[in-house]
PDB file of all heavy atoms in Angstrom:
ATOM      1  N   SER A   1      89.907 129.042  76.885  1.00  0.00           N
ATOM      2  CA  SER A   1      90.874 128.492  77.765  1.00  0.00           C
ATOM      3  C   SER A   1      91.428 129.480  78.749  1.00  0.00           C
ATOM      4  O   SER A   1      91.673 130.649  78.416  1.00  0.00           O
ATOM      5  CB  SER A   1      92.080 127.912  76.969  1.00  0.00           C
ATOM      6  OG  SER A   1      93.069 127.415  77.871  1.00  0.00           O
ATOM      7  N   LYS A   2      91.567 129.063  80.029  1.00  0.00           N
ATOM      8  CA  LYS A   2      92.111 129.918  81.080  1.00  0.00           C
ATOM      9  C   LYS A   2      93.598 129.537  81.355  1.00  0.00           C
ATOM     10  O   LYS A   2      94.187 130.030  82.298  1.00  0.00           O
ATOM     11  CB  LYS A   2      91.268 129.771  82.343  1.00  0.00           C
ATOM     12  CG  LYS A   2      89.818 130.150  82.159  1.00  0.00           C
ATOM     13  CD  LYS A   2      89.646 131.606  81.748  1.00  0.00           C
ATOM     14  CE  LYS A   2      88.170 131.939  81.663  1.00  0.00           C
ATOM     15  NZ  LYS A   2      87.907 132.973  80.714  1.00  0.00           N
ATOM     16  N   ARG A   3      94.147 128.658  80.586  1.00  0.00           N
ATOM     17  CA  ARG A   3      95.538 128.249  80.787  1.00  0.00           C
ATOM     18  C   ARG A   3      96.495 129.388  80.525  1.00  0.00           C
ATOM     19  O   ARG A   3      96.151 130.311  79.750  1.00  0.00           O
ATOM     20  CB  ARG A   3      95.856 127.062  79.864  1.00  0.00           C
ATOM     21  CG  ARG A   3      95.005 125.826  80.118  1.00  0.00           C
ATOM     22  CD  ARG A   3      95.354 124.716  79.184  1.00  0.00           C
ATOM     23  NE  ARG A   3      96.831 124.466  79.283  1.00  0.00           N
ATOM     24  CZ  ARG A   3      97.340 123.304  79.596  1.00  0.00           C
ATOM     25  NH1 ARG A   3      96.606 122.285  79.765  1.00  0.00           N
ATOM     26  NH2 ARG A   3      98.655 123.184  79.648  1.00  0.00           N
ATOM     27  N   LYS A   4      97.684 129.297  81.040  1.00  0.00           N
ATOM     28  CA  LYS A   4      98.659 130.336  80.805  1.00  0.00           C
ATOM     29  C   LYS A   4      99.251 130.242  79.440  1.00  0.00           C
ATOM     30  O   LYS A   4      99.719 131.247  78.833  1.00  0.00           O
ATOM     31  CB  LYS A   4      99.775 130.266  81.844  1.00  0.00           C
ATOM     32  CG  LYS A   4      99.291 130.668  83.249  1.00  0.00           C
ATOM     33  CD  LYS A   4     100.399 130.677  84.266  1.00  0.00           C
ATOM     34  CE  LYS A   4      99.794 131.037  85.633  1.00  0.00           C
ATOM     35  NZ  LYS A   4     100.766 131.194  86.634  1.00  0.00           N
ATOM     36  N   THR A   5      99.330 129.010  78.909  1.00  0.00           N
ATOM     37  CA  THR A   5      99.796 128.767  77.544  1.00  0.00           C
ATOM     38  C   THR A   5      98.959 127.698  76.945  1.00  0.00           C
ATOM     39  O   THR A   5      98.395 126.883  77.613  1.00  0.00           O
ATOM     40  CB  THR A   5     101.284 128.345  77.514  1.00  0.00           C
ATOM     41  OG1 THR A   5     101.463 127.153  78.207  1.00  0.00           O
ATOM     42  CG2 THR A   5     102.173 129.436  78.069  1.00  0.00           C
ATOM     43  N   ILE A   6      98.932 127.664  75.605  1.00  0.00           N
ATOM     44  CA  ILE A   6      98.279 126.595  74.848  1.00  0.00           C
ATOM     45  C   ILE A   6      99.334 126.021  73.866  1.00  0.00           C
ATOM     46  O   ILE A   6      99.999 126.772  73.142  1.00  0.00           O
ATOM     47  CB  ILE A   6      97.036 127.093  74.057  1.00  0.00           C
ATOM     48  CG1 ILE A   6      96.000 127.689  75.032  1.00  0.00           C
ATOM     49  CG2 ILE A   6      96.477 126.005  73.217  1.00  0.00           C
ATOM     50  CD1 ILE A   6      94.843 128.374  74.392  1.00  0.00           C
ATOM     51  N   ARG A   7      99.514 124.718  73.889  1.00  0.00           N
ATOM     52  CA  ARG A   7     100.549 124.089  73.095  1.00  0.00           C
ATOM     53  C   ARG A   7      99.991 123.913  71.672  1.00  0.00           C
ATOM     54  O   ARG A   7      98.953 123.273  71.456  1.00  0.00           O
ATOM     55  CB  ARG A   7     100.929 122.764  73.676  1.00  0.00           C
ATOM     56  CG  ARG A   7     102.051 122.120  72.887  1.00  0.00           C
ATOM     57  CD  ARG A   7     102.738 121.073  73.727  1.00  0.00           C
ATOM     58  NE  ARG A   7     103.441 121.695  74.846  1.00  0.00           N
ATOM     59  CZ  ARG A   7     104.730 121.618  75.025  1.00  0.00           C
ATOM     60  NH1 ARG A   7     105.465 120.953  74.208  1.00  0.00           N
ATOM     61  NH2 ARG A   7     105.298 122.268  76.047  1.00  0.00           N
ATOM     62  N   ILE A   8     100.720 124.435  70.690  1.00  0.00           N
ATOM     63  CA  ILE A   8     100.429 124.321  69.288  1.00  0.00           C
ATOM     64  C   ILE A   8     101.676 123.869  68.599  1.00  0.00           C
ATOM     65  O   ILE A   8     102.710 124.551  68.604  1.00  0.00           O
ATOM     66  CB  ILE A   8      99.949 125.690  68.648  1.00  0.00           C
ATOM     67  CG1 ILE A   8      98.781 126.303  69.423  1.00  0.00           C
ATOM     68  CG2 ILE A   8      99.688 125.506  67.156  1.00  0.00           C
ATOM     69  CD1 ILE A   8      97.451 125.601  69.205  1.00  0.00           C
ATOM     70  N   SER A   9     101.633 122.709  67.954  1.00  0.00           N
ATOM     71  CA  SER A   9     102.772 122.140  67.244  1.00  0.00           C
ATOM     72  C   SER A   9     104.056 122.156  68.091  1.00  0.00           C
ATOM     73  O   SER A   9     105.111 122.503  67.613  1.00  0.00           O
ATOM     74  CB  SER A   9     103.004 122.950  65.962  1.00  0.00           C
ATOM     75  OG  SER A   9     101.859 122.884  65.161  1.00  0.00           O
ATOM     76  N   GLY A  10     103.912 121.799  69.330  1.00  0.00           N
ATOM     77  CA  GLY A  10     105.067 121.730  70.246  1.00  0.00           C
ATOM     78  C   GLY A  10     105.540 123.040  70.830  1.00  0.00           C
ATOM     79  O   GLY A  10     106.466 123.071  71.633  1.00  0.00           O
ATOM     80  N   ASP A  11     104.901 124.159  70.434  1.00  0.00           N
ATOM     81  CA  ASP A  11     105.269 125.468  71.023  1.00  0.00           C
ATOM     82  C   ASP A  11     104.185 125.912  71.982  1.00  0.00           C
ATOM     83  O   ASP A  11     102.951 125.778  71.637  1.00  0.00           O
ATOM     84  CB  ASP A  11     105.379 126.505  69.905  1.00  0.00           C
ATOM     85  CG  ASP A  11     106.576 126.290  69.033  1.00  0.00           C
ATOM     86  OD1 ASP A  11     107.609 125.736  69.521  1.00  0.00           O
ATOM     87  OD2 ASP A  11     106.541 126.695  67.844  1.00  0.00           O
ATOM     88  N   ASP A  12     104.574 126.472  73.090  1.00  0.00           N
ATOM     89  CA  ASP A  12     103.587 127.022  74.030  1.00  0.00           C
ATOM     90  C   ASP A  12     103.271 128.495  73.619  1.00  0.00           C
ATOM     91  O   ASP A  12     104.190 129.293  73.583  1.00  0.00           O
ATOM     92  CB  ASP A  12     104.111 126.968  75.472  1.00  0.00           C
ATOM     93  CG  ASP A  12     104.209 125.568  75.966  1.00  0.00           C
ATOM     94  OD1 ASP A  12     103.410 124.726  75.541  1.00  0.00           O
ATOM     95  OD2 ASP A  12     105.089 125.254  76.825  1.00  0.00           O
ATOM     96  N   LYS A  13     102.066 128.691  73.278  1.00  0.00           N
ATOM     97  CA  LYS A  13     101.636 130.030  72.783  1.00  0.00           C
ATOM     98  C   LYS A  13     100.763 130.684  73.863  1.00  0.00           C
ATOM     99  O   LYS A  13     100.010 130.019  74.552  1.00  0.00           O
ATOM    100  CB  LYS A  13     100.750 129.882  71.549  1.00  0.00           C
ATOM    101  CG  LYS A  13     101.395 129.037  70.420  1.00  0.00           C
ATOM    102  CD  LYS A  13     102.115 129.925  69.472  1.00  0.00           C
ATOM    103  CE  LYS A  13     102.583 129.114  68.288  1.00  0.00           C
ATOM    104  NZ  LYS A  13     103.704 129.710  67.659  1.00  0.00           N
ATOM    105  N   PRO A  14     100.853 132.021  73.956  1.00  0.00           N
ATOM    106  CA  PRO A  14      99.924 132.741  74.816  1.00  0.00           C
ATOM    107  C   PRO A  14      98.462 132.519  74.370  1.00  0.00           C
ATOM    108  O   PRO A  14      98.257 132.539  73.131  1.00  0.00           O
ATOM    109  CB  PRO A  14     100.375 134.201  74.661  1.00  0.00           C
ATOM    110  CG  PRO A  14     101.742 134.178  74.082  1.00  0.00           C
ATOM    111  CD  PRO A  14     101.777 132.955  73.289  1.00  0.00           C
ATOM    112  N   PRO A  15      97.558 132.386  75.262  1.00  0.00           N
ATOM    113  CA  PRO A  15      96.170 132.144  74.829  1.00  0.00           C
ATOM    114  C   PRO A  15      95.591 133.244  73.992  1.00  0.00           C
ATOM    115  O   PRO A  15      94.780 133.007  73.137  1.00  0.00           O
ATOM    116  CB  PRO A  15      95.403 131.988  76.160  1.00  0.00           C
ATOM    117  CG  PRO A  15      96.309 132.459  77.227  1.00  0.00           C
ATOM    118  CD  PRO A  15      97.727 132.401  76.731  1.00  0.00           C
ATOM    119  N   GLN A  16      96.019 134.498  74.153  1.00  0.00           N
ATOM    120  CA  GLN A  16      95.549 135.580  73.381  1.00  0.00           C
ATOM    121  C   GLN A  16      95.935 135.433  71.913  1.00  0.00           C
ATOM    122  O   GLN A  16      95.170 135.748  71.019  1.00  0.00           O
ATOM    123  CB  GLN A  16      96.070 136.928  73.888  1.00  0.00           C
ATOM    124  CG  GLN A  16      95.818 137.202  75.308  1.00  0.00           C
ATOM    125  CD  GLN A  16      96.952 136.724  76.238  1.00  0.00           C
ATOM    126  OE1 GLN A  16      97.410 135.623  76.051  1.00  0.00           O
ATOM    127  NE2 GLN A  16      97.346 137.502  77.192  1.00  0.00           N
ATOM    128  N   VAL A  17      97.145 134.885  71.674  1.00  0.00           N
ATOM    129  CA  VAL A  17      97.605 134.642  70.279  1.00  0.00           C
ATOM    130  C   VAL A  17      96.782 133.542  69.631  1.00  0.00           C
ATOM    131  O   VAL A  17      96.322 133.700  68.476  1.00  0.00           O
ATOM    132  CB  VAL A  17      99.136 134.289  70.266  1.00  0.00           C
ATOM    133  CG1 VAL A  17      99.582 133.857  68.945  1.00  0.00           C
ATOM    134  CG2 VAL A  17      99.948 135.476  70.769  1.00  0.00           C
ATOM    135  N   VAL A  18      96.556 132.488  70.354  1.00  0.00           N
ATOM    136  CA  VAL A  18      95.746 131.375  69.825  1.00  0.00           C
ATOM    137  C   VAL A  18      94.304 131.825  69.547  1.00  0.00           C
ATOM    138  O   VAL A  18      93.759 131.543  68.490  1.00  0.00           O
ATOM    139  CB  VAL A  18      95.732 130.160  70.843  1.00  0.00           C
ATOM    140  CG1 VAL A  18      94.803 129.054  70.398  1.00  0.00           C
ATOM    141  CG2 VAL A  18      97.146 129.663  71.024  1.00  0.00           C
ATOM    142  N   LYS A  19      93.762 132.604  70.464  1.00  0.00           N
ATOM    143  CA  LYS A  19      92.401 133.103  70.310  1.00  0.00           C
ATOM    144  C   LYS A  19      92.343 133.991  69.071  1.00  0.00           C
ATOM    145  O   LYS A  19      91.415 133.819  68.232  1.00  0.00           O
ATOM    146  CB  LYS A  19      92.014 133.911  71.562  1.00  0.00           C
ATOM    147  CG  LYS A  19      90.598 134.477  71.516  1.00  0.00           C
ATOM    148  CD  LYS A  19      90.248 135.187  72.827  1.00  0.00           C
ATOM    149  CE  LYS A  19      88.941 135.769  72.810  1.00  0.00           C
ATOM    150  NZ  LYS A  19      88.518 136.379  74.111  1.00  0.00           N
ATOM    151  N   SER A  20      93.276 134.859  68.897  1.00  0.00           N
ATOM    152  CA  SER A  20      93.305 135.773  67.731  1.00  0.00           C
ATOM    153  C   SER A  20      93.350 134.967  66.424  1.00  0.00           C
ATOM    154  O   SER A  20      92.617 135.269  65.502  1.00  0.00           O
ATOM    155  CB  SER A  20      94.495 136.707  67.833  1.00  0.00           C
ATOM    156  OG  SER A  20      94.630 137.455  66.680  1.00  0.00           O
ATOM    157  N   GLN A  21      94.169 133.970  66.428  1.00  0.00           N
ATOM    158  CA  GLN A  21      94.292 133.153  65.238  1.00  0.00           C
ATOM    159  C   GLN A  21      92.996 132.344  64.917  1.00  0.00           C
ATOM    160  O   GLN A  21      92.549 132.280  63.759  1.00  0.00           O
ATOM    161  CB  GLN A  21      95.486 132.222  65.363  1.00  0.00           C
ATOM    162  CG  GLN A  21      95.978 131.593  64.083  1.00  0.00           C
ATOM    163  CD  GLN A  21      96.528 132.559  63.089  1.00  0.00           C
ATOM    164  OE1 GLN A  21      96.644 133.767  63.367  1.00  0.00           O
ATOM    165  NE2 GLN A  21      96.925 132.086  61.920  1.00  0.00           N
ATOM    166  N   MET A  22      92.410 131.813  65.939  1.00  0.00           N
ATOM    167  CA  MET A  22      91.187 131.039  65.788  1.00  0.00           C
ATOM    168  C   MET A  22      90.019 131.917  65.343  1.00  0.00           C
ATOM    169  O   MET A  22      89.169 131.520  64.567  1.00  0.00           O
ATOM    170  CB  MET A  22      90.804 130.302  67.054  1.00  0.00           C
ATOM    171  CG  MET A  22      91.805 129.277  67.496  1.00  0.00           C
ATOM    172  SD  MET A  22      92.204 128.061  66.276  1.00  0.00           S
ATOM    173  CE  MET A  22      93.195 126.913  67.184  1.00  0.00           C
ATOM    174  N   MET A  23      90.009 133.148  65.800  1.00  0.00           N
ATOM    175  CA  MET A  23      88.941 134.080  65.440  1.00  0.00           C
ATOM    176  C   MET A  23      88.971 134.452  63.984  1.00  0.00           C
ATOM    177  O   MET A  23      88.031 135.038  63.464  1.00  0.00           O
ATOM    178  CB  MET A  23      88.948 135.299  66.360  1.00  0.00           C
ATOM    179  CG  MET A  23      88.870 135.022  67.827  1.00  0.00           C
ATOM    180  SD  MET A  23      87.211 134.661  68.422  1.00  0.00           S
ATOM    181  CE  MET A  23      86.489 136.224  68.388  1.00  0.00           C
ATOM    182  N   LYS A  24      90.129 134.265  63.303  1.00  0.00           N
ATOM    183  CA  LYS A  24      90.274 134.556  61.884  1.00  0.00           C
ATOM    184  C   LYS A  24      89.644 133.494  61.003  1.00  0.00           C
ATOM    185  O   LYS A  24      89.424 133.736  59.801  1.00  0.00           O
ATOM    186  CB  LYS A  24      91.732 134.688  61.485  1.00  0.00           C
ATOM    187  CG  LYS A  24      92.464 135.811  62.161  1.00  0.00           C
ATOM    188  CD  LYS A  24      93.911 135.765  61.798  1.00  0.00           C
ATOM    189  CE  LYS A  24      94.730 136.840  62.523  1.00  0.00           C
ATOM    190  NZ  LYS A  24      96.165 136.710  62.252  1.00  0.00           N
ATOM    191  N   LEU A  25      89.343 132.345  61.582  1.00  0.00           N
ATOM    192  CA  LEU A  25      88.883 131.230  60.715  1.00  0.00           C
ATOM    193  C   LEU A  25      87.467 131.542  60.117  1.00  0.00           C
ATOM    194  O   LEU A  25      86.627 132.211  60.723  1.00  0.00           O
ATOM    195  CB  LEU A  25      88.805 129.964  61.565  1.00  0.00           C
ATOM    196  CG  LEU A  25      90.090 129.402  62.038  1.00  0.00           C
ATOM    197  CD1 LEU A  25      89.870 128.291  63.053  1.00  0.00           C
ATOM    198  CD2 LEU A  25      90.956 128.918  60.903  1.00  0.00           C
ATOM    199  N   ASN A  26      87.253 131.003  58.935  1.00  0.00           N
ATOM    200  CA  ASN A  26      85.964 131.037  58.271  1.00  0.00           C
ATOM    201  C   ASN A  26      85.697 129.638  57.695  1.00  0.00           C
ATOM    202  O   ASN A  26      86.443 128.753  57.884  1.00  0.00           O
ATOM    203  CB  ASN A  26      85.949 132.143  57.202  1.00  0.00           C
ATOM    204  CG  ASN A  26      86.942 131.899  56.083  1.00  0.00           C
ATOM    205  OD1 ASN A  26      87.139 130.752  55.626  1.00  0.00           O
ATOM    206  ND2 ASN A  26      87.550 132.968  55.605  1.00  0.00           N
ATOM    207  N   GLY A  27      84.586 129.524  57.027  1.00  0.00           N
ATOM    208  CA  GLY A  27      84.146 128.242  56.545  1.00  0.00           C
ATOM    209  C   GLY A  27      85.128 127.613  55.558  1.00  0.00           C
ATOM    210  O   GLY A  27      85.332 126.406  55.509  1.00  0.00           O
ATOM    211  N   GLU A  28      85.769 128.485  54.750  1.00  0.00           N
ATOM    212  CA  GLU A  28      86.775 127.928  53.766  1.00  0.00           C
ATOM    213  C   GLU A  28      87.969 127.329  54.474  1.00  0.00           C
ATOM    214  O   GLU A  28      88.485 126.312  54.035  1.00  0.00           O
ATOM    215  CB  GLU A  28      87.215 129.032  52.811  1.00  0.00           C
ATOM    216  CG  GLU A  28      86.098 129.451  51.849  1.00  0.00           C
ATOM    217  CD  GLU A  28      85.476 128.292  51.082  1.00  0.00           C
ATOM    218  OE1 GLU A  28      86.255 127.510  50.511  1.00  0.00           O
ATOM    219  OE2 GLU A  28      84.253 128.209  51.042  1.00  0.00           O
ATOM    220  N   HIS A  29      88.352 127.930  55.557  1.00  0.00           N
ATOM    221  CA  HIS A  29      89.474 127.371  56.384  1.00  0.00           C
ATOM    222  C   HIS A  29      89.073 125.967  56.911  1.00  0.00           C
ATOM    223  O   HIS A  29      89.895 125.030  56.903  1.00  0.00           O
ATOM    224  CB  HIS A  29      89.838 128.266  57.528  1.00  0.00           C
ATOM    225  CG  HIS A  29      90.443 129.553  57.133  1.00  0.00           C
ATOM    226  ND1 HIS A  29      89.815 130.779  57.404  1.00  0.00           N
ATOM    227  CD2 HIS A  29      91.595 129.872  56.454  1.00  0.00           C
ATOM    228  CE1 HIS A  29      90.526 131.746  56.930  1.00  0.00           C
ATOM    229  NE2 HIS A  29      91.606 131.227  56.314  1.00  0.00           N
ATOM    230  N   ILE A  30      87.866 125.858  57.342  1.00  0.00           N
ATOM    231  CA  ILE A  30      87.380 124.562  57.894  1.00  0.00           C
ATOM    232  C   ILE A  30      87.390 123.488  56.772  1.00  0.00           C
ATOM    233  O   ILE A  30      87.774 122.383  57.005  1.00  0.00           O
ATOM    234  CB  ILE A  30      86.001 124.718  58.549  1.00  0.00           C
ATOM    235  CG1 ILE A  30      86.088 125.767  59.714  1.00  0.00           C
ATOM    236  CG2 ILE A  30      85.538 123.359  59.101  1.00  0.00           C
ATOM    237  CD1 ILE A  30      87.091 125.547  60.740  1.00  0.00           C
ATOM    238  N   LYS A  31      86.876 123.867  55.616  1.00  0.00           N
ATOM    239  CA  LYS A  31      86.846 122.919  54.431  1.00  0.00           C
ATOM    240  C   LYS A  31      88.310 122.515  54.119  1.00  0.00           C
ATOM    241  O   LYS A  31      88.552 121.354  53.790  1.00  0.00           O
ATOM    242  CB  LYS A  31      86.198 123.548  53.262  1.00  0.00           C
ATOM    243  CG  LYS A  31      84.683 123.652  53.424  1.00  0.00           C
ATOM    244  CD  LYS A  31      84.131 124.300  52.151  1.00  0.00           C
ATOM    245  CE  LYS A  31      82.630 124.648  52.314  1.00  0.00           C
ATOM    246  NZ  LYS A  31      82.108 125.289  51.139  1.00  0.00           N
ATOM    247  N   TYR A  32      89.212 123.455  54.193  1.00  0.00           N
ATOM    248  CA  TYR A  32      90.652 123.213  53.932  1.00  0.00           C
ATOM    249  C   TYR A  32      91.169 122.202  54.944  1.00  0.00           C
ATOM    250  O   TYR A  32      91.821 121.246  54.575  1.00  0.00           O
ATOM    251  CB  TYR A  32      91.406 124.508  53.941  1.00  0.00           C
ATOM    252  CG  TYR A  32      92.898 124.416  54.131  1.00  0.00           C
ATOM    253  CD1 TYR A  32      93.686 123.751  53.171  1.00  0.00           C
ATOM    254  CD2 TYR A  32      93.521 124.986  55.213  1.00  0.00           C
ATOM    255  CE1 TYR A  32      95.065 123.674  53.315  1.00  0.00           C
ATOM    256  CE2 TYR A  32      94.916 124.881  55.346  1.00  0.00           C
ATOM    257  CZ  TYR A  32      95.680 124.279  54.398  1.00  0.00           C
ATOM    258  OH  TYR A  32      97.017 124.158  54.556  1.00  0.00           O
ATOM    259  N   VAL A  33      90.930 122.413  56.215  1.00  0.00           N
ATOM    260  CA  VAL A  33      91.357 121.485  57.263  1.00  0.00           C
ATOM    261  C   VAL A  33      90.749 120.064  57.059  1.00  0.00           C
ATOM    262  O   VAL A  33      91.461 119.096  57.171  1.00  0.00           O
ATOM    263  CB  VAL A  33      91.042 122.020  58.671  1.00  0.00           C
ATOM    264  CG1 VAL A  33      91.280 120.986  59.734  1.00  0.00           C
ATOM    265  CG2 VAL A  33      91.900 123.267  58.918  1.00  0.00           C
ATOM    266  N   LEU A  34      89.496 120.027  56.747  1.00  0.00           N
ATOM    267  CA  LEU A  34      88.841 118.739  56.479  1.00  0.00           C
ATOM    268  C   LEU A  34      89.471 118.033  55.326  1.00  0.00           C
ATOM    269  O   LEU A  34      89.721 116.784  55.356  1.00  0.00           O
ATOM    270  CB  LEU A  34      87.338 118.909  56.265  1.00  0.00           C
ATOM    271  CG  LEU A  34      86.485 119.312  57.410  1.00  0.00           C
ATOM    272  CD1 LEU A  34      85.065 119.637  56.975  1.00  0.00           C
ATOM    273  CD2 LEU A  34      86.475 118.230  58.478  1.00  0.00           C
ATOM    274  N   SER A  35      89.728 118.798  54.252  1.00  0.00           N
ATOM    275  CA  SER A  35      90.477 118.217  53.054  1.00  0.00           C
ATOM    276  C   SER A  35      91.839 117.692  53.443  1.00  0.00           C
ATOM    277  O   SER A  35      92.198 116.578  53.011  1.00  0.00           O
ATOM    278  CB  SER A  35      90.566 119.296  51.987  1.00  0.00           C
ATOM    279  OG  SER A  35      91.365 118.834  50.896  1.00  0.00           O
ATOM    280  N   CYS A  36      92.576 118.420  54.206  1.00  0.00           N
ATOM    281  CA  CYS A  36      93.897 117.997  54.650  1.00  0.00           C
ATOM    282  C   CYS A  36      93.809 116.740  55.497  1.00  0.00           C
ATOM    283  O   CYS A  36      94.668 115.806  55.383  1.00  0.00           O
ATOM    284  CB  CYS A  36      94.631 119.065  55.397  1.00  0.00           C
ATOM    285  SG  CYS A  36      95.140 120.496  54.350  1.00  0.00           S
ATOM    286  N   MET A  37      92.831 116.687  56.351  1.00  0.00           N
ATOM    287  CA  MET A  37      92.596 115.476  57.177  1.00  0.00           C
ATOM    288  C   MET A  37      92.297 114.219  56.317  1.00  0.00           C
ATOM    289  O   MET A  37      92.833 113.146  56.596  1.00  0.00           O
ATOM    290  CB  MET A  37      91.437 115.714  58.162  1.00  0.00           C
ATOM    291  CG  MET A  37      91.711 116.793  59.178  1.00  0.00           C
ATOM    292  SD  MET A  37      92.816 116.311  60.451  1.00  0.00           S
ATOM    293  CE  MET A  37      91.841 115.106  61.341  1.00  0.00           C
ATOM    294  N   ARG A  38      91.504 114.443  55.275  1.00  0.00           N
ATOM    295  CA  ARG A  38      91.160 113.300  54.348  1.00  0.00           C
ATOM    296  C   ARG A  38      92.397 112.830  53.613  1.00  0.00           C
ATOM    297  O   ARG A  38      92.564 111.654  53.368  1.00  0.00           O
ATOM    298  CB  ARG A  38      90.115 113.719  53.354  1.00  0.00           C
ATOM    299  CG  ARG A  38      88.683 113.671  53.870  1.00  0.00           C
ATOM    300  CD  ARG A  38      87.662 113.840  52.777  1.00  0.00           C
ATOM    301  NE  ARG A  38      87.788 115.077  52.021  1.00  0.00           N
ATOM    302  CZ  ARG A  38      87.261 116.247  52.347  1.00  0.00           C
ATOM    303  NH1 ARG A  38      86.459 116.342  53.407  1.00  0.00           N
ATOM    304  NH2 ARG A  38      87.416 117.321  51.631  1.00  0.00           N
TER     305      ARG A  38
END
């Protein structure tokens, strides 16, 4: 994203913060998110 902010849960976050958090994800996190969605 080239936006100045990215909205997460109603808060505008700097894209660098969002990128850093997303880069931490692994397969177990994705399974966890899928489970929560179910």
